[in-house]
Amino acid sequence: MEMGHAAPLLVDLDGDGKRELLVGQFGEGRLRIYERTREAKAYDFGPVRYFEVGKHLGRVPTG
């Protein structure tokens, strides 16, 4: 599997006790979030969504 410049992080973003997978996207700097679909010890993730700030996509610097 080609990972490129991805920077994955497991972190509990919503305070539910389950860590989501946060992955920075190199090209446009968008942050992908994969939410957990089961209990805290299982690593099953749902579909991707993007980190948003208000009505805007959250981005990190790229280049």
N, C-alpha and C. Protein backbone atom coordinates (compact mmCIF):
# COMPACT_ATOMS: atom_id res chain seq x y z
N MET A 1 0.84 -1.17 0.00
CA MET A 1 0.00 0.00 0.00
C MET A 1 0.89 1.24 0.00
N GLU A 2 0.66 2.13 -0.91
CA GLU A 2 1.41 3.39 -0.99
C GLU A 2 0.80 4.40 -0.03
N MET A 3 1.59 4.89 0.91
CA MET A 3 1.10 5.85 1.90
C MET A 3 1.44 7.29 1.52
N GLY A 4 2.40 7.52 0.67
CA GLY A 4 2.76 8.88 0.29
C GLY A 4 3.21 9.68 1.49
N HIS A 5 2.63 10.85 1.63
CA HIS A 5 3.01 11.74 2.73
C HIS A 5 1.95 11.79 3.82
N ALA A 6 1.11 10.80 3.94
CA ALA A 6 0.05 10.80 4.95
C ALA A 6 0.64 10.81 6.35
N ALA A 7 -0.06 11.47 7.25
CA ALA A 7 0.37 11.54 8.65
C ALA A 7 -0.79 11.10 9.53
N PRO A 8 -0.96 9.78 9.77
CA PRO A 8 -2.09 9.30 10.54
C PRO A 8 -1.93 9.54 12.04
N LEU A 9 -3.06 9.74 12.72
CA LEU A 9 -3.09 9.94 14.16
C LEU A 9 -4.37 9.33 14.70
N LEU A 10 -4.27 8.53 15.77
CA LEU A 10 -5.45 8.02 16.46
C LEU A 10 -5.72 8.92 17.65
N VAL A 11 -6.90 9.54 17.69
CA VAL A 11 -7.23 10.49 18.75
C VAL A 11 -8.75 10.50 18.96
N ASP A 12 -9.18 10.67 20.21
CA ASP A 12 -10.61 10.77 20.52
C ASP A 12 -11.07 12.20 20.27
N LEU A 13 -11.57 12.46 19.09
CA LEU A 13 -11.97 13.82 18.71
C LEU A 13 -13.30 14.26 19.31
N ASP A 14 -14.20 13.31 19.56
CA ASP A 14 -15.54 13.69 20.00
C ASP A 14 -15.84 13.31 21.45
N GLY A 15 -14.86 12.81 22.19
CA GLY A 15 -15.03 12.52 23.61
C GLY A 15 -15.89 11.31 23.92
N ASP A 16 -16.05 10.39 22.97
CA ASP A 16 -16.88 9.21 23.21
C ASP A 16 -16.08 8.01 23.72
N GLY A 17 -14.78 8.19 23.94
CA GLY A 17 -13.94 7.11 24.43
C GLY A 17 -13.37 6.22 23.33
N LYS A 18 -13.73 6.48 22.08
CA LYS A 18 -13.21 5.72 20.94
C LYS A 18 -12.33 6.65 20.11
N ARG A 19 -11.13 6.18 19.79
CA ARG A 19 -10.22 7.02 19.00
C ARG A 19 -10.54 6.94 17.52
N GLU A 20 -10.69 8.09 16.90
CA GLU A 20 -10.89 8.18 15.47
C GLU A 20 -9.53 8.24 14.79
N LEU A 21 -9.53 7.88 13.51
CA LEU A 21 -8.31 7.96 12.71
C LEU A 21 -8.34 9.28 11.96
N LEU A 22 -7.37 10.13 12.22
CA LEU A 22 -7.23 11.43 11.57
C LEU A 22 -6.03 11.34 10.63
N VAL A 23 -6.24 11.66 9.36
CA VAL A 23 -5.17 11.55 8.37
C VAL A 23 -5.06 12.85 7.59
N GLY A 24 -3.87 13.45 7.61
CA GLY A 24 -3.63 14.65 6.83
C GLY A 24 -3.41 14.30 5.37
N GLN A 25 -4.03 15.06 4.49
CA GLN A 25 -3.92 14.81 3.05
C GLN A 25 -2.90 15.78 2.46
N PHE A 26 -1.91 15.27 1.76
CA PHE A 26 -0.80 16.09 1.27
C PHE A 26 -1.22 17.13 0.25
N GLY A 27 -1.91 16.73 -0.79
CA GLY A 27 -2.20 17.61 -1.91
C GLY A 27 -2.90 18.91 -1.57
N GLU A 28 -4.03 18.83 -0.89
CA GLU A 28 -4.82 20.02 -0.59
C GLU A 28 -4.83 20.38 0.88
N GLY A 29 -4.15 19.61 1.72
CA GLY A 29 -4.07 19.91 3.14
C GLY A 29 -5.34 19.61 3.92
N ARG A 30 -6.27 18.89 3.33
CA ARG A 30 -7.50 18.54 4.04
C ARG A 30 -7.21 17.46 5.07
N LEU A 31 -8.03 17.41 6.10
CA LEU A 31 -7.89 16.41 7.15
C LEU A 31 -9.05 15.43 7.06
N ARG A 32 -8.73 14.17 6.82
CA ARG A 32 -9.76 13.12 6.73
C ARG A 32 -9.97 12.52 8.12
N ILE A 33 -11.22 12.25 8.45
CA ILE A 33 -11.56 11.61 9.72
C ILE A 33 -12.31 10.32 9.41
N TYR A 34 -11.83 9.23 10.01
CA TYR A 34 -12.51 7.94 9.93
C TYR A 34 -13.01 7.63 11.33
N GLU A 35 -14.34 7.64 11.52
CA GLU A 35 -14.91 7.40 12.85
C GLU A 35 -14.98 5.93 13.16
N ARG A 36 -14.83 5.61 14.44
CA ARG A 36 -14.93 4.23 14.90
C ARG A 36 -16.37 3.78 14.85
N THR A 37 -16.60 2.54 14.48
CA THR A 37 -17.95 2.02 14.39
C THR A 37 -18.28 1.04 15.50
N ARG A 38 -17.27 0.67 16.33
CA ARG A 38 -17.52 -0.29 17.41
C ARG A 38 -16.87 0.18 18.70
N GLU A 39 -16.87 -0.69 19.69
CA GLU A 39 -16.33 -0.37 21.01
C GLU A 39 -14.85 0.01 20.94
N ALA A 40 -14.36 0.57 22.03
CA ALA A 40 -13.02 1.17 22.09
C ALA A 40 -11.89 0.21 21.73
N LYS A 41 -12.06 -1.10 21.90
CA LYS A 41 -10.95 -2.02 21.64
C LYS A 41 -10.90 -2.53 20.20
N ALA A 42 -11.95 -2.29 19.44
CA ALA A 42 -11.98 -2.76 18.04
C ALA A 42 -11.60 -1.62 17.11
N TYR A 43 -10.95 -1.95 16.03
CA TYR A 43 -10.54 -0.93 15.06
C TYR A 43 -11.30 -1.11 13.76
N ASP A 44 -12.59 -0.86 13.81
CA ASP A 44 -13.44 -0.84 12.62
C ASP A 44 -13.81 0.61 12.38
N PHE A 45 -13.56 1.10 11.19
CA PHE A 45 -13.82 2.50 10.89
C PHE A 45 -14.91 2.64 9.85
N GLY A 46 -15.70 3.69 9.98
CA GLY A 46 -16.76 4.00 9.04
C GLY A 46 -16.22 4.78 7.85
N PRO A 47 -17.13 5.31 7.04
CA PRO A 47 -16.72 6.08 5.86
C PRO A 47 -15.99 7.36 6.24
N VAL A 48 -15.22 7.87 5.31
CA VAL A 48 -14.44 9.08 5.56
C VAL A 48 -15.35 10.31 5.61
N ARG A 49 -14.97 11.26 6.44
CA ARG A 49 -15.55 12.60 6.41
C ARG A 49 -14.38 13.55 6.59
N TYR A 50 -14.58 14.80 6.26
CA TYR A 50 -13.50 15.77 6.38
C TYR A 50 -13.70 16.64 7.62
N PHE A 51 -12.59 17.00 8.27
CA PHE A 51 -12.61 17.90 9.41
C PHE A 51 -13.11 19.26 8.95
N GLU A 52 -14.10 19.80 9.66
CA GLU A 52 -14.68 21.08 9.28
C GLU A 52 -14.58 22.08 10.43
N VAL A 53 -14.41 23.33 10.07
CA VAL A 53 -14.42 24.44 11.01
C VAL A 53 -15.55 25.35 10.55
N GLY A 54 -16.66 25.33 11.29
CA GLY A 54 -17.83 26.05 10.81
C GLY A 54 -18.32 25.40 9.53
N LYS A 55 -18.44 26.19 8.49
CA LYS A 55 -18.87 25.67 7.18
C LYS A 55 -17.70 25.45 6.23
N HIS A 56 -16.48 25.56 6.75
CA HIS A 56 -15.28 25.45 5.92
C HIS A 56 -14.49 24.19 6.28
N LEU A 57 -13.84 23.62 5.28
CA LEU A 57 -12.96 22.48 5.54
C LEU A 57 -11.73 22.95 6.29
N GLY A 58 -11.38 22.23 7.36
CA GLY A 58 -10.13 22.52 8.06
C GLY A 58 -8.97 22.06 7.20
N ARG A 59 -7.92 22.84 7.16
CA ARG A 59 -6.76 22.52 6.33
C ARG A 59 -5.47 22.74 7.11
N VAL A 60 -4.44 22.03 6.69
CA VAL A 60 -3.10 22.23 7.23
C VAL A 60 -2.20 22.70 6.09
N PRO A 61 -1.13 23.43 6.41
CA PRO A 61 -0.23 23.90 5.35
C PRO A 61 0.40 22.73 4.59
N THR A 62 0.59 22.90 3.31
CA THR A 62 1.23 21.88 2.48
C THR A 62 2.36 22.52 1.68
N GLY A 63 3.19 21.66 1.13
CA GLY A 63 4.22 22.18 0.22
C GLY A 63 5.59 21.85 0.58
